[in-house]
Amino acid sequence: MRIIRVSAATALLLAALTACGSTADTGTDVAGSTAPSTPRASLAGTGEAAEESSASTKSTASLPDMVGKGLQSAQDEAQAVGFYFLTSHDALGRGRNQILDRGWKVCSQTPEPGTHPTDTEVDFGTVKLEESCPEGGDQGEPEEAGSTMPDFTGKSVKVARQALDGSTSIMVDDVSGQDRMVLVESHWQVCSTDPAAGAELDGQPVTIGAVKFGESC
């Protein structure tokens, strides 16, 4: 009976040693995790390949020529072929908002017709239906005035205000002699400014003389 007990104990000891040896051989640590077998260089290469694949499959579509169409129709057609980043502006440079799209027509578009990525922003230059497109080209959005007073003659009072520094004190006078209040500034055109065009701007107040569009200064 003693021989049997010794053999059983020996068998248990051998089994334990075998288990320890097996754990060391497989590279498993105490917590039971296994070291990564994929080299870092290989992982980096996989990421670069994924980025290249994504770039090569970027969606493109053919943007039609929208000039002459109503703004709403142009927007619908652009969306139908896959362009969803759409914007528009007043091509006459008066800074008006296109609140009712069906009341405006397209004079220009950026980018031009052709094949472009579908995430490209499409910008339509527009005028109201009863207006003519500007002969001298799209007047675009106002630029910041900087340190010199621009020549705002013929521009809208709204554009002049947007171009001047936001801290500038501005007073607008009706120079038609009717002493009207200037309420919707995009409906009024600049006749004169004080300081005059070309003068240095250093924080002084600005006075704008204006009349309604269609009237003479």
N, C-alpha and C. Protein backbone atom coordinates (compact mmCIF):
# COMPACT_ATOMS: atom_id res chain seq x y z
N MET A 1 0.83 -1.21 0.00
CA MET A 1 0.00 0.00 0.00
C MET A 1 0.86 1.24 0.00
N ARG A 2 2.03 1.27 0.64
CA ARG A 2 2.94 2.42 0.65
C ARG A 2 3.46 2.70 -0.76
N ILE A 3 3.71 1.62 -1.50
CA ILE A 3 4.20 1.80 -2.88
C ILE A 3 3.17 2.51 -3.73
N ILE A 4 1.92 2.16 -3.55
CA ILE A 4 0.84 2.79 -4.31
C ILE A 4 0.75 4.28 -4.00
N ARG A 5 0.83 4.68 -2.71
CA ARG A 5 0.73 6.11 -2.33
C ARG A 5 1.90 6.91 -2.90
N VAL A 6 3.13 6.33 -2.83
CA VAL A 6 4.30 7.03 -3.36
C VAL A 6 4.14 7.25 -4.86
N SER A 7 3.66 6.26 -5.59
CA SER A 7 3.50 6.38 -7.04
C SER A 7 2.47 7.45 -7.40
N ALA A 8 1.39 7.49 -6.61
CA ALA A 8 0.36 8.50 -6.88
C ALA A 8 0.89 9.91 -6.64
N ALA A 9 1.65 10.11 -5.56
CA ALA A 9 2.22 11.43 -5.27
C ALA A 9 3.20 11.85 -6.34
N THR A 10 4.00 10.86 -6.78
CA THR A 10 4.96 11.17 -7.85
C THR A 10 4.25 11.57 -9.13
N ALA A 11 3.18 10.91 -9.46
CA ALA A 11 2.41 11.24 -10.67
C ALA A 11 1.85 12.64 -10.62
N LEU A 12 1.36 13.05 -9.43
CA LEU A 12 0.81 14.40 -9.27
C LEU A 12 1.89 15.45 -9.45
N LEU A 13 3.10 15.18 -8.88
CA LEU A 13 4.21 16.12 -9.00
C LEU A 13 4.64 16.28 -10.45
N LEU A 14 4.74 15.17 -11.18
CA LEU A 14 5.11 15.21 -12.59
C LEU A 14 4.09 15.99 -13.43
N ALA A 15 2.81 15.82 -13.10
CA ALA A 15 1.76 16.53 -13.83
C ALA A 15 1.86 18.03 -13.63
N ALA A 16 2.19 18.42 -12.38
CA ALA A 16 2.33 19.86 -12.09
C ALA A 16 3.50 20.46 -12.83
N LEU A 17 4.66 19.73 -12.83
CA LEU A 17 5.84 20.22 -13.54
C LEU A 17 5.58 20.33 -15.03
N THR A 18 4.85 19.37 -15.58
CA THR A 18 4.53 19.39 -17.00
C THR A 18 3.67 20.59 -17.37
N ALA A 19 2.72 20.91 -16.51
CA ALA A 19 1.84 22.06 -16.75
C ALA A 19 2.62 23.35 -16.75
N CYS A 20 3.57 23.51 -15.79
CA CYS A 20 4.40 24.72 -15.74
C CYS A 20 5.25 24.85 -16.99
N GLY A 21 5.84 23.74 -17.42
CA GLY A 21 6.67 23.75 -18.62
C GLY A 21 5.86 24.12 -19.85
N SER A 22 4.61 23.66 -19.92
CA SER A 22 3.76 23.96 -21.06
C SER A 22 3.42 25.44 -21.14
N THR A 23 3.19 26.05 -19.92
CA THR A 23 2.89 27.49 -19.88
C THR A 23 4.05 28.32 -20.35
N ALA A 24 5.27 27.97 -19.96
CA ALA A 24 6.46 28.71 -20.37
C ALA A 24 6.69 28.61 -21.87
N ASP A 25 6.42 27.40 -22.43
CA ASP A 25 6.68 27.19 -23.85
C ASP A 25 5.75 28.00 -24.74
N THR A 26 4.50 28.22 -24.33
CA THR A 26 3.52 28.88 -25.18
C THR A 26 3.60 30.38 -25.09
N GLY A 27 4.44 30.92 -24.17
CA GLY A 27 4.59 32.36 -24.08
C GLY A 27 3.45 33.03 -23.36
N THR A 28 2.64 32.29 -22.61
CA THR A 28 1.53 32.84 -21.86
C THR A 28 2.02 33.32 -20.51
N ASP A 29 1.71 34.58 -20.12
CA ASP A 29 2.17 35.10 -18.84
C ASP A 29 1.23 34.67 -17.74
N VAL A 30 1.47 35.20 -16.54
CA VAL A 30 0.70 34.78 -15.37
C VAL A 30 -0.76 35.16 -15.54
N ALA A 31 -1.01 36.28 -16.15
CA ALA A 31 -2.39 36.73 -16.29
C ALA A 31 -3.12 35.99 -17.39
N GLY A 32 -2.42 35.16 -18.14
CA GLY A 32 -3.07 34.37 -19.17
C GLY A 32 -3.12 35.05 -20.53
N SER A 33 -2.44 36.23 -20.70
CA SER A 33 -2.46 36.91 -21.99
C SER A 33 -1.32 36.41 -22.86
N THR A 34 -1.49 36.51 -24.15
CA THR A 34 -0.49 36.04 -25.11
C THR A 34 0.13 37.23 -25.82
N ALA A 35 1.44 37.29 -25.96
CA ALA A 35 2.14 38.39 -26.61
C ALA A 35 1.73 38.47 -28.07
N PRO A 36 1.60 39.70 -28.62
CA PRO A 36 1.19 39.83 -30.04
C PRO A 36 2.23 39.22 -30.97
N SER A 37 1.72 38.58 -32.00
CA SER A 37 2.60 37.92 -32.94
C SER A 37 2.77 38.72 -34.22
N THR A 38 1.97 39.85 -34.41
CA THR A 38 2.05 40.64 -35.63
C THR A 38 3.03 41.78 -35.45
N PRO A 39 4.05 41.94 -36.27
CA PRO A 39 5.04 43.02 -36.14
C PRO A 39 4.38 44.37 -36.31
N ARG A 40 4.96 45.42 -35.64
CA ARG A 40 4.42 46.78 -35.73
C ARG A 40 4.45 47.29 -37.16
N ALA A 41 5.50 47.00 -37.87
CA ALA A 41 5.62 47.47 -39.25
C ALA A 41 4.48 46.96 -40.10
N SER A 42 4.08 45.71 -39.84
CA SER A 42 2.99 45.13 -40.60
C SER A 42 1.69 45.84 -40.31
N LEU A 43 1.45 46.20 -39.03
CA LEU A 43 0.23 46.91 -38.66
C LEU A 43 0.19 48.29 -39.30
N ALA A 44 1.32 48.99 -39.30
CA ALA A 44 1.38 50.31 -39.92
C ALA A 44 1.08 50.24 -41.40
N GLY A 45 1.63 49.23 -42.04
CA GLY A 45 1.39 49.07 -43.47
C GLY A 45 -0.07 48.82 -43.76
N THR A 46 -0.76 48.10 -42.87
CA THR A 46 -2.18 47.83 -43.05
C THR A 46 -2.97 49.12 -43.01
N GLY A 47 -2.64 50.04 -42.04
CA GLY A 47 -3.33 51.31 -41.93
C GLY A 47 -3.15 52.18 -43.15
N GLU A 48 -1.93 52.24 -43.67
CA GLU A 48 -1.66 53.04 -44.86
C GLU A 48 -2.42 52.50 -46.05
N ALA A 49 -2.49 51.20 -46.16
CA ALA A 49 -3.21 50.59 -47.28
C ALA A 49 -4.69 50.92 -47.21
N ALA A 50 -5.24 50.95 -45.97
CA ALA A 50 -6.66 51.26 -45.80
C ALA A 50 -6.94 52.69 -46.21
N GLU A 51 -6.03 53.63 -45.83
CA GLU A 51 -6.23 55.02 -46.20
C GLU A 51 -6.16 55.20 -47.72
N GLU A 52 -5.20 54.50 -48.34
CA GLU A 52 -5.06 54.60 -49.79
C GLU A 52 -6.29 54.05 -50.49
N SER A 53 -6.83 52.97 -49.95
CA SER A 53 -8.02 52.37 -50.55
C SER A 53 -9.21 53.30 -50.42
N SER A 54 -9.33 53.96 -49.24
CA SER A 54 -10.43 54.90 -49.02
C SER A 54 -10.35 56.07 -49.98
N ALA A 55 -9.13 56.59 -50.20
CA ALA A 55 -8.96 57.73 -51.09
C ALA A 55 -9.29 57.36 -52.53
N SER A 56 -8.91 56.14 -52.91
CA SER A 56 -9.12 55.73 -54.30
C SER A 56 -10.58 55.48 -54.61
N THR A 57 -11.40 55.25 -53.58
CA THR A 57 -12.82 54.97 -53.79
C THR A 57 -13.69 56.19 -53.48
N LYS A 58 -13.08 57.39 -53.37
CA LYS A 58 -13.84 58.60 -53.08
C LYS A 58 -14.84 58.84 -54.20
N SER A 59 -16.08 59.16 -53.82
CA SER A 59 -17.17 59.29 -54.79
C SER A 59 -17.05 60.58 -55.59
N THR A 60 -17.26 60.49 -56.89
CA THR A 60 -17.29 61.66 -57.78
C THR A 60 -18.57 61.61 -58.60
N ALA A 61 -18.95 62.77 -59.15
CA ALA A 61 -20.13 62.84 -60.00
C ALA A 61 -19.98 64.03 -60.94
N SER A 62 -20.81 64.06 -61.97
CA SER A 62 -20.78 65.14 -62.95
C SER A 62 -21.76 66.23 -62.53
N LEU A 63 -21.22 67.42 -62.27
CA LEU A 63 -22.05 68.57 -61.88
C LEU A 63 -22.55 69.28 -63.14
N PRO A 64 -23.87 69.40 -63.32
CA PRO A 64 -24.41 70.05 -64.53
C PRO A 64 -24.19 71.57 -64.50
N ASP A 65 -24.43 72.20 -65.64
CA ASP A 65 -24.40 73.66 -65.75
C ASP A 65 -25.75 74.20 -65.29
N MET A 66 -25.75 74.96 -64.18
CA MET A 66 -27.00 75.44 -63.60
C MET A 66 -27.32 76.89 -63.96
N VAL A 67 -26.41 77.58 -64.64
CA VAL A 67 -26.60 79.00 -64.95
C VAL A 67 -27.90 79.20 -65.74
N GLY A 68 -28.71 80.15 -65.29
CA GLY A 68 -29.98 80.44 -65.95
C GLY A 68 -31.17 79.74 -65.33
N LYS A 69 -30.91 78.77 -64.46
CA LYS A 69 -32.00 78.04 -63.82
C LYS A 69 -32.43 78.75 -62.53
N GLY A 70 -33.64 78.45 -62.10
CA GLY A 70 -34.09 78.94 -60.81
C GLY A 70 -33.25 78.30 -59.71
N LEU A 71 -33.04 79.03 -58.62
CA LEU A 71 -32.17 78.53 -57.56
C LEU A 71 -32.69 77.22 -56.97
N GLN A 72 -33.99 77.12 -56.74
CA GLN A 72 -34.54 75.89 -56.18
C GLN A 72 -34.33 74.71 -57.13
N SER A 73 -34.56 74.93 -58.41
CA SER A 73 -34.36 73.85 -59.40
C SER A 73 -32.90 73.44 -59.46
N ALA A 74 -31.99 74.42 -59.40
CA ALA A 74 -30.55 74.12 -59.44
C ALA A 74 -30.15 73.30 -58.22
N GLN A 75 -30.65 73.65 -57.07
CA GLN A 75 -30.33 72.89 -55.86
C GLN A 75 -30.85 71.47 -55.94
N ASP A 76 -32.08 71.31 -56.42
CA ASP A 76 -32.67 69.97 -56.54
C ASP A 76 -31.88 69.10 -57.51
N GLU A 77 -31.45 69.69 -58.62
CA GLU A 77 -30.69 68.93 -59.63
C GLU A 77 -29.32 68.54 -59.11
N ALA A 78 -28.68 69.44 -58.36
CA ALA A 78 -27.37 69.13 -57.79
C ALA A 78 -27.47 67.99 -56.78
N GLN A 79 -28.49 68.02 -55.97
CA GLN A 79 -28.69 66.95 -54.99
C GLN A 79 -29.01 65.62 -55.67
N ALA A 80 -29.74 65.68 -56.77
CA ALA A 80 -30.13 64.46 -57.48
C ALA A 80 -28.93 63.69 -58.00
N VAL A 81 -27.82 64.39 -58.33
CA VAL A 81 -26.63 63.70 -58.84
C VAL A 81 -25.58 63.48 -57.74
N GLY A 82 -25.90 63.88 -56.49
CA GLY A 82 -25.02 63.51 -55.38
C GLY A 82 -24.34 64.65 -54.65
N PHE A 83 -24.60 65.91 -55.03
CA PHE A 83 -23.97 67.04 -54.35
C PHE A 83 -24.93 67.61 -53.30
N TYR A 84 -24.52 67.53 -52.03
CA TYR A 84 -25.42 67.96 -50.96
C TYR A 84 -24.89 69.17 -50.18
N PHE A 85 -23.64 69.57 -50.42
CA PHE A 85 -23.07 70.73 -49.74
C PHE A 85 -23.31 71.96 -50.64
N LEU A 86 -24.44 72.61 -50.44
CA LEU A 86 -24.87 73.69 -51.31
C LEU A 86 -24.97 75.01 -50.54
N THR A 87 -24.57 76.09 -51.21
CA THR A 87 -24.73 77.42 -50.63
C THR A 87 -25.01 78.39 -51.77
N SER A 88 -25.38 79.62 -51.44
CA SER A 88 -25.66 80.63 -52.46
C SER A 88 -25.39 82.01 -51.89
N HIS A 89 -25.23 82.99 -52.79
CA HIS A 89 -25.00 84.37 -52.35
C HIS A 89 -25.58 85.33 -53.37
N ASP A 90 -25.66 86.60 -52.99
CA ASP A 90 -26.19 87.66 -53.84
C ASP A 90 -25.12 88.08 -54.83
N ALA A 91 -25.32 87.79 -56.11
CA ALA A 91 -24.31 88.09 -57.14
C ALA A 91 -24.14 89.58 -57.38
N LEU A 92 -25.10 90.41 -56.96
CA LEU A 92 -25.00 91.85 -57.13
C LEU A 92 -24.19 92.50 -56.01
N GLY A 93 -23.75 91.71 -55.05
CA GLY A 93 -22.92 92.23 -53.98
C GLY A 93 -23.68 93.04 -52.95
N ARG A 94 -24.98 92.84 -52.85
CA ARG A 94 -25.78 93.60 -51.89
C ARG A 94 -25.95 92.89 -50.56
N GLY A 95 -25.47 91.66 -50.48
CA GLY A 95 -25.51 90.93 -49.21
C GLY A 95 -26.88 90.42 -48.82
N ARG A 96 -27.79 90.32 -49.78
CA ARG A 96 -29.13 89.83 -49.46
C ARG A 96 -29.13 88.31 -49.26
N ASN A 97 -30.02 87.85 -48.39
CA ASN A 97 -30.17 86.42 -48.14
C ASN A 97 -31.21 85.83 -49.07
N GLN A 98 -30.96 84.60 -49.54
CA GLN A 98 -31.91 83.93 -50.43
C GLN A 98 -32.92 83.16 -49.56
N ILE A 99 -33.86 83.89 -49.01
CA ILE A 99 -34.83 83.27 -48.09
C ILE A 99 -35.81 82.39 -48.84
N LEU A 100 -36.35 82.89 -49.95
CA LEU A 100 -37.27 82.11 -50.78
C LEU A 100 -36.53 81.72 -52.06
N ASP A 101 -36.02 80.50 -52.12
CA ASP A 101 -35.17 80.08 -53.24
C ASP A 101 -35.85 80.20 -54.59
N ARG A 102 -37.16 80.00 -54.63
CA ARG A 102 -37.87 80.06 -55.92
C ARG A 102 -37.94 81.49 -56.47
N GLY A 103 -37.59 82.47 -55.68
CA GLY A 103 -37.60 83.85 -56.13
C GLY A 103 -36.26 84.32 -56.66
N TRP A 104 -35.28 83.39 -56.80
CA TRP A 104 -33.94 83.74 -57.25
C TRP A 104 -33.51 82.85 -58.41
N LYS A 105 -32.62 83.37 -59.26
CA LYS A 105 -32.10 82.59 -60.39
C LYS A 105 -30.58 82.60 -60.34
N VAL A 106 -29.98 81.61 -60.98
CA VAL A 106 -28.53 81.40 -60.93
C VAL A 106 -27.83 82.17 -62.03
N CYS A 107 -26.82 82.98 -61.65
CA CYS A 107 -25.99 83.71 -62.61
C CYS A 107 -24.62 83.04 -62.77
N SER A 108 -24.14 82.38 -61.74
CA SER A 108 -22.82 81.73 -61.79
C SER A 108 -22.80 80.59 -60.79
N GLN A 109 -21.83 79.71 -60.96
CA GLN A 109 -21.67 78.61 -60.00
C GLN A 109 -20.20 78.28 -59.83
N THR A 110 -19.86 77.89 -58.62
CA THR A 110 -18.51 77.45 -58.28
C THR A 110 -18.61 76.13 -57.52
N PRO A 111 -17.96 75.06 -58.02
CA PRO A 111 -17.09 75.00 -59.20
C PRO A 111 -17.89 74.99 -60.50
N GLU A 112 -17.16 75.08 -61.61
CA GLU A 112 -17.79 75.05 -62.92
C GLU A 112 -18.31 73.64 -63.22
N PRO A 113 -19.18 73.49 -64.23
CA PRO A 113 -19.69 72.16 -64.59
C PRO A 113 -18.56 71.19 -64.89
N GLY A 114 -18.76 69.95 -64.52
CA GLY A 114 -17.74 68.92 -64.76
C GLY A 114 -17.75 67.90 -63.64
N THR A 115 -16.77 67.02 -63.66
CA THR A 115 -16.68 65.95 -62.67
C THR A 115 -15.92 66.44 -61.44
N HIS A 116 -16.54 66.28 -60.26
CA HIS A 116 -15.96 66.73 -59.00
C HIS A 116 -16.30 65.72 -57.90
N PRO A 117 -15.51 65.68 -56.81
CA PRO A 117 -15.89 64.87 -55.66
C PRO A 117 -17.25 65.34 -55.13
N THR A 118 -18.08 64.42 -54.72
CA THR A 118 -19.43 64.78 -54.29
C THR A 118 -19.47 65.52 -52.97
N ASP A 119 -18.33 65.57 -52.23
CA ASP A 119 -18.32 66.36 -51.00
C ASP A 119 -17.86 67.80 -51.25
N THR A 120 -17.74 68.19 -52.53
CA THR A 120 -17.37 69.56 -52.89
C THR A 120 -18.53 70.51 -52.58
N GLU A 121 -18.22 71.68 -52.00
CA GLU A 121 -19.26 72.68 -51.77
C GLU A 121 -19.58 73.38 -53.08
N VAL A 122 -20.85 73.47 -53.42
CA VAL A 122 -21.30 74.14 -54.64
C VAL A 122 -21.95 75.47 -54.24
N ASP A 123 -21.39 76.57 -54.77
CA ASP A 123 -21.86 77.91 -54.42
C ASP A 123 -22.50 78.55 -55.65
N PHE A 124 -23.77 78.97 -55.52
CA PHE A 124 -24.49 79.61 -56.62
C PHE A 124 -24.53 81.13 -56.39
N GLY A 125 -24.09 81.90 -57.42
CA GLY A 125 -24.26 83.35 -57.41
C GLY A 125 -25.62 83.67 -58.01
N THR A 126 -26.46 84.42 -57.30
CA THR A 126 -27.85 84.57 -57.71
C THR A 126 -28.32 86.03 -57.69
N VAL A 127 -29.39 86.29 -58.44
CA VAL A 127 -30.12 87.56 -58.37
C VAL A 127 -31.60 87.21 -58.33
N LYS A 128 -32.42 88.20 -57.98
CA LYS A 128 -33.85 87.97 -57.98
C LYS A 128 -34.35 87.79 -59.41
N LEU A 129 -35.51 87.12 -59.55
CA LEU A 129 -36.02 86.78 -60.88
C LEU A 129 -36.18 87.99 -61.77
N GLU A 130 -36.59 89.12 -61.22
CA GLU A 130 -36.83 90.31 -62.03
C GLU A 130 -35.57 91.11 -62.32
N GLU A 131 -34.43 90.69 -61.79
CA GLU A 131 -33.17 91.41 -61.97
C GLU A 131 -32.31 90.76 -63.05
N SER A 132 -31.36 91.55 -63.56
CA SER A 132 -30.40 91.03 -64.55
C SER A 132 -29.11 90.66 -63.83
N CYS A 133 -28.44 89.64 -64.34
CA CYS A 133 -27.15 89.26 -63.78
C CYS A 133 -26.15 90.39 -64.01
N PRO A 134 -25.21 90.60 -63.10
CA PRO A 134 -24.25 91.71 -63.23
C PRO A 134 -23.38 91.56 -64.48
N GLU A 135 -23.27 92.63 -65.26
CA GLU A 135 -22.49 92.58 -66.50
C GLU A 135 -21.00 92.45 -66.21
N GLY A 136 -20.55 93.03 -65.12
CA GLY A 136 -19.13 92.98 -64.79
C GLY A 136 -18.71 91.73 -64.06
N GLY A 137 -19.59 90.75 -63.97
CA GLY A 137 -19.26 89.52 -63.25
C GLY A 137 -19.79 89.53 -61.84
N ASP A 138 -19.73 88.39 -61.22
CA ASP A 138 -20.23 88.21 -59.86
C ASP A 138 -19.51 89.15 -58.88
N GLN A 139 -20.30 89.90 -58.12
CA GLN A 139 -19.73 90.85 -57.16
C GLN A 139 -19.26 90.17 -55.88
N GLY A 140 -19.76 88.96 -55.63
CA GLY A 140 -19.27 88.17 -54.50
C GLY A 140 -19.63 88.74 -53.14
N GLU A 141 -18.96 88.19 -52.12
CA GLU A 141 -19.19 88.60 -50.75
C GLU A 141 -18.24 89.74 -50.38
N PRO A 142 -18.63 90.59 -49.41
CA PRO A 142 -17.75 91.71 -49.02
C PRO A 142 -16.48 91.23 -48.33
N GLU A 143 -15.38 91.97 -48.58
CA GLU A 143 -14.12 91.67 -47.92
C GLU A 143 -13.90 92.65 -46.77
N GLU A 144 -13.11 92.26 -45.79
CA GLU A 144 -12.85 93.13 -44.66
C GLU A 144 -12.11 94.38 -45.11
N ALA A 145 -12.49 95.52 -44.49
CA ALA A 145 -11.94 96.80 -44.91
C ALA A 145 -10.48 96.97 -44.54
N GLY A 146 -10.04 96.43 -43.42
CA GLY A 146 -8.67 96.61 -42.99
C GLY A 146 -8.45 97.99 -42.41
N SER A 147 -7.29 98.59 -42.66
CA SER A 147 -6.94 99.88 -42.07
C SER A 147 -7.22 101.06 -42.99
N THR A 148 -7.80 100.80 -44.17
CA THR A 148 -8.10 101.87 -45.13
C THR A 148 -9.57 101.80 -45.54
N MET A 149 -10.23 102.93 -45.61
CA MET A 149 -11.64 102.97 -46.00
C MET A 149 -11.79 102.59 -47.47
N PRO A 150 -12.55 101.54 -47.77
CA PRO A 150 -12.79 101.16 -49.17
C PRO A 150 -13.75 102.14 -49.84
N ASP A 151 -13.87 102.04 -51.16
CA ASP A 151 -14.86 102.80 -51.90
C ASP A 151 -16.14 101.97 -51.96
N PHE A 152 -17.11 102.35 -51.14
CA PHE A 152 -18.37 101.60 -51.07
C PHE A 152 -19.44 102.17 -51.99
N THR A 153 -19.12 103.15 -52.79
CA THR A 153 -20.13 103.80 -53.63
C THR A 153 -20.84 102.77 -54.52
N GLY A 154 -22.17 102.77 -54.44
CA GLY A 154 -22.96 101.83 -55.23
C GLY A 154 -23.20 100.50 -54.54
N LYS A 155 -22.43 100.22 -53.49
CA LYS A 155 -22.64 98.99 -52.72
C LYS A 155 -23.79 99.19 -51.74
N SER A 156 -24.30 98.11 -51.20
CA SER A 156 -25.36 98.25 -50.21
C SER A 156 -24.79 98.66 -48.86
N VAL A 157 -25.62 99.32 -48.09
CA VAL A 157 -25.20 99.70 -46.73
C VAL A 157 -24.88 98.46 -45.91
N LYS A 158 -25.60 97.38 -46.15
CA LYS A 158 -25.35 96.14 -45.43
C LYS A 158 -23.94 95.62 -45.71
N VAL A 159 -23.53 95.65 -46.97
CA VAL A 159 -22.19 95.20 -47.36
C VAL A 159 -21.13 96.07 -46.69
N ALA A 160 -21.35 97.39 -46.68
CA ALA A 160 -20.40 98.30 -46.05
C ALA A 160 -20.27 97.99 -44.56
N ARG A 161 -21.36 97.76 -43.91
CA ARG A 161 -21.32 97.46 -42.48
C ARG A 161 -20.58 96.14 -42.22
N GLN A 162 -20.83 95.15 -43.07
CA GLN A 162 -20.16 93.85 -42.89
C GLN A 162 -18.66 93.95 -43.13
N ALA A 163 -18.25 94.84 -44.03
CA ALA A 163 -16.83 94.97 -44.36
C ALA A 163 -16.05 95.70 -43.28
N LEU A 164 -16.69 96.64 -42.60
CA LEU A 164 -16.01 97.40 -41.56
C LEU A 164 -15.85 96.56 -40.30
N ASP A 165 -14.87 96.91 -39.50
CA ASP A 165 -14.63 96.19 -38.26
C ASP A 165 -15.88 96.22 -37.39
N GLY A 166 -16.15 95.10 -36.72
CA GLY A 166 -17.36 94.98 -35.92
C GLY A 166 -17.46 95.99 -34.78
N SER A 167 -16.34 96.57 -34.38
CA SER A 167 -16.35 97.54 -33.29
C SER A 167 -16.61 98.97 -33.77
N THR A 168 -16.69 99.17 -35.10
CA THR A 168 -16.85 100.52 -35.65
C THR A 168 -18.23 101.09 -35.36
N SER A 169 -18.26 102.33 -34.91
CA SER A 169 -19.53 103.04 -34.72
C SER A 169 -19.98 103.58 -36.07
N ILE A 170 -21.19 103.22 -36.51
CA ILE A 170 -21.66 103.58 -37.85
C ILE A 170 -23.01 104.30 -37.76
N MET A 171 -23.12 105.43 -38.44
CA MET A 171 -24.38 106.16 -38.55
C MET A 171 -24.74 106.25 -40.03
N VAL A 172 -26.01 105.95 -40.38
CA VAL A 172 -26.46 105.97 -41.77
C VAL A 172 -27.50 107.08 -41.94
N ASP A 173 -27.27 107.95 -42.92
CA ASP A 173 -28.17 109.07 -43.20
C ASP A 173 -28.80 108.92 -44.57
N ASP A 174 -30.10 109.22 -44.67
CA ASP A 174 -30.80 109.29 -45.95
C ASP A 174 -30.46 110.64 -46.58
N VAL A 175 -29.70 110.62 -47.69
CA VAL A 175 -29.27 111.89 -48.31
C VAL A 175 -30.20 112.31 -49.44
N SER A 176 -31.39 111.67 -49.54
CA SER A 176 -32.35 112.06 -50.58
C SER A 176 -33.11 113.31 -50.19
N GLY A 177 -32.99 113.73 -48.95
CA GLY A 177 -33.74 114.89 -48.47
C GLY A 177 -35.07 114.52 -47.86
N GLN A 178 -35.40 113.20 -47.84
CA GLN A 178 -36.69 112.77 -47.30
C GLN A 178 -36.59 112.36 -45.83
N ASP A 179 -35.38 112.33 -45.32
CA ASP A 179 -35.16 112.04 -43.90
C ASP A 179 -35.81 110.72 -43.46
N ARG A 180 -35.65 109.68 -44.29
CA ARG A 180 -36.23 108.38 -43.97
C ARG A 180 -35.29 107.56 -43.08
N MET A 181 -35.89 106.63 -42.34
CA MET A 181 -35.09 105.71 -41.53
C MET A 181 -34.59 104.57 -42.42
N VAL A 182 -33.33 104.20 -42.26
CA VAL A 182 -32.74 103.11 -43.05
C VAL A 182 -32.92 101.82 -42.25
N LEU A 183 -33.93 101.06 -42.63
CA LEU A 183 -34.28 99.87 -41.86
C LEU A 183 -33.67 98.61 -42.47
N VAL A 184 -33.96 98.31 -43.74
CA VAL A 184 -33.42 97.13 -44.41
C VAL A 184 -32.20 97.59 -45.21
N GLU A 185 -31.02 97.42 -44.65
CA GLU A 185 -29.82 98.02 -45.22
C GLU A 185 -29.43 97.45 -46.58
N SER A 186 -29.88 96.26 -46.92
CA SER A 186 -29.56 95.70 -48.24
C SER A 186 -30.36 96.37 -49.34
N HIS A 187 -31.36 97.18 -48.98
CA HIS A 187 -32.18 97.91 -49.96
C HIS A 187 -31.65 99.32 -50.21
N TRP A 188 -30.57 99.69 -49.52
CA TRP A 188 -30.03 101.03 -49.64
C TRP A 188 -28.61 100.98 -50.19
N GLN A 189 -28.30 101.93 -51.09
CA GLN A 189 -26.96 101.98 -51.68
C GLN A 189 -26.17 103.16 -51.11
N VAL A 190 -24.87 102.96 -51.02
CA VAL A 190 -23.98 103.96 -50.45
C VAL A 190 -23.70 105.05 -51.48
N CYS A 191 -23.89 106.32 -51.07
CA CYS A 191 -23.54 107.46 -51.92
C CYS A 191 -22.22 108.09 -51.48
N SER A 192 -21.96 108.08 -50.19
CA SER A 192 -20.76 108.71 -49.66
C SER A 192 -20.42 108.12 -48.30
N THR A 193 -19.16 108.29 -47.91
CA THR A 193 -18.73 107.88 -46.57
C THR A 193 -17.85 108.98 -45.97
N ASP A 194 -17.90 109.07 -44.67
CA ASP A 194 -17.03 109.98 -43.94
C ASP A 194 -16.44 109.18 -42.76
N PRO A 195 -15.13 108.89 -42.81
CA PRO A 195 -14.10 109.36 -43.73
C PRO A 195 -14.28 108.82 -45.15
N ALA A 196 -13.70 109.53 -46.11
CA ALA A 196 -13.84 109.19 -47.52
C ALA A 196 -13.01 107.97 -47.88
N ALA A 197 -13.29 107.43 -49.05
CA ALA A 197 -12.53 106.27 -49.54
C ALA A 197 -11.04 106.60 -49.61
N GLY A 198 -10.22 105.68 -49.11
CA GLY A 198 -8.78 105.86 -49.12
C GLY A 198 -8.22 106.41 -47.82
N ALA A 199 -9.10 106.93 -46.95
CA ALA A 199 -8.64 107.48 -45.68
C ALA A 199 -8.27 106.36 -44.71
N GLU A 200 -7.43 106.70 -43.76
CA GLU A 200 -7.00 105.71 -42.76
C GLU A 200 -8.14 105.45 -41.78
N LEU A 201 -8.30 104.19 -41.44
CA LEU A 201 -9.29 103.80 -40.43
C LEU A 201 -8.55 103.43 -39.15
N ASP A 202 -8.82 104.19 -38.10
CA ASP A 202 -8.14 103.89 -36.83
C ASP A 202 -9.12 103.89 -35.65
N GLY A 203 -10.36 103.48 -35.93
CA GLY A 203 -11.35 103.37 -34.86
C GLY A 203 -12.32 104.53 -34.79
N GLN A 204 -12.18 105.53 -35.67
CA GLN A 204 -13.10 106.67 -35.63
C GLN A 204 -14.49 106.26 -36.11
N PRO A 205 -15.56 106.97 -35.69
CA PRO A 205 -16.91 106.69 -36.19
C PRO A 205 -17.00 106.90 -37.70
N VAL A 206 -17.92 106.19 -38.34
CA VAL A 206 -18.11 106.28 -39.79
C VAL A 206 -19.55 106.71 -40.07
N THR A 207 -19.70 107.69 -40.96
CA THR A 207 -21.03 108.12 -41.39
C THR A 207 -21.23 107.73 -42.85
N ILE A 208 -22.34 107.09 -43.14
CA ILE A 208 -22.66 106.64 -44.50
C ILE A 208 -23.87 107.40 -45.00
N GLY A 209 -23.73 108.06 -46.16
CA GLY A 209 -24.87 108.70 -46.83
C GLY A 209 -25.43 107.74 -47.85
N ALA A 210 -26.75 107.53 -47.85
CA ALA A 210 -27.35 106.50 -48.71
C ALA A 210 -28.71 106.91 -49.23
N VAL A 211 -29.09 106.27 -50.34
CA VAL A 211 -30.45 106.35 -50.88
C VAL A 211 -30.89 104.93 -51.23
N LYS A 212 -32.15 104.74 -51.50
CA LYS A 212 -32.63 103.42 -51.89
C LYS A 212 -32.12 103.07 -53.29
N PHE A 213 -31.92 101.78 -53.54
CA PHE A 213 -31.53 101.33 -54.87
C PHE A 213 -32.63 101.76 -55.86
N GLY A 214 -32.19 102.25 -57.01
CA GLY A 214 -33.12 102.77 -58.00
C GLY A 214 -33.24 104.28 -57.95
N GLU A 215 -32.75 104.88 -56.86
CA GLU A 215 -32.75 106.34 -56.72
C GLU A 215 -31.36 106.88 -57.03
N SER A 216 -31.29 108.14 -57.37
CA SER A 216 -30.00 108.78 -57.64
C SER A 216 -29.47 109.44 -56.38
N CYS A 217 -28.17 109.35 -56.22
CA CYS A 217 -27.55 109.97 -55.06
C CYS A 217 -27.63 111.51 -55.17
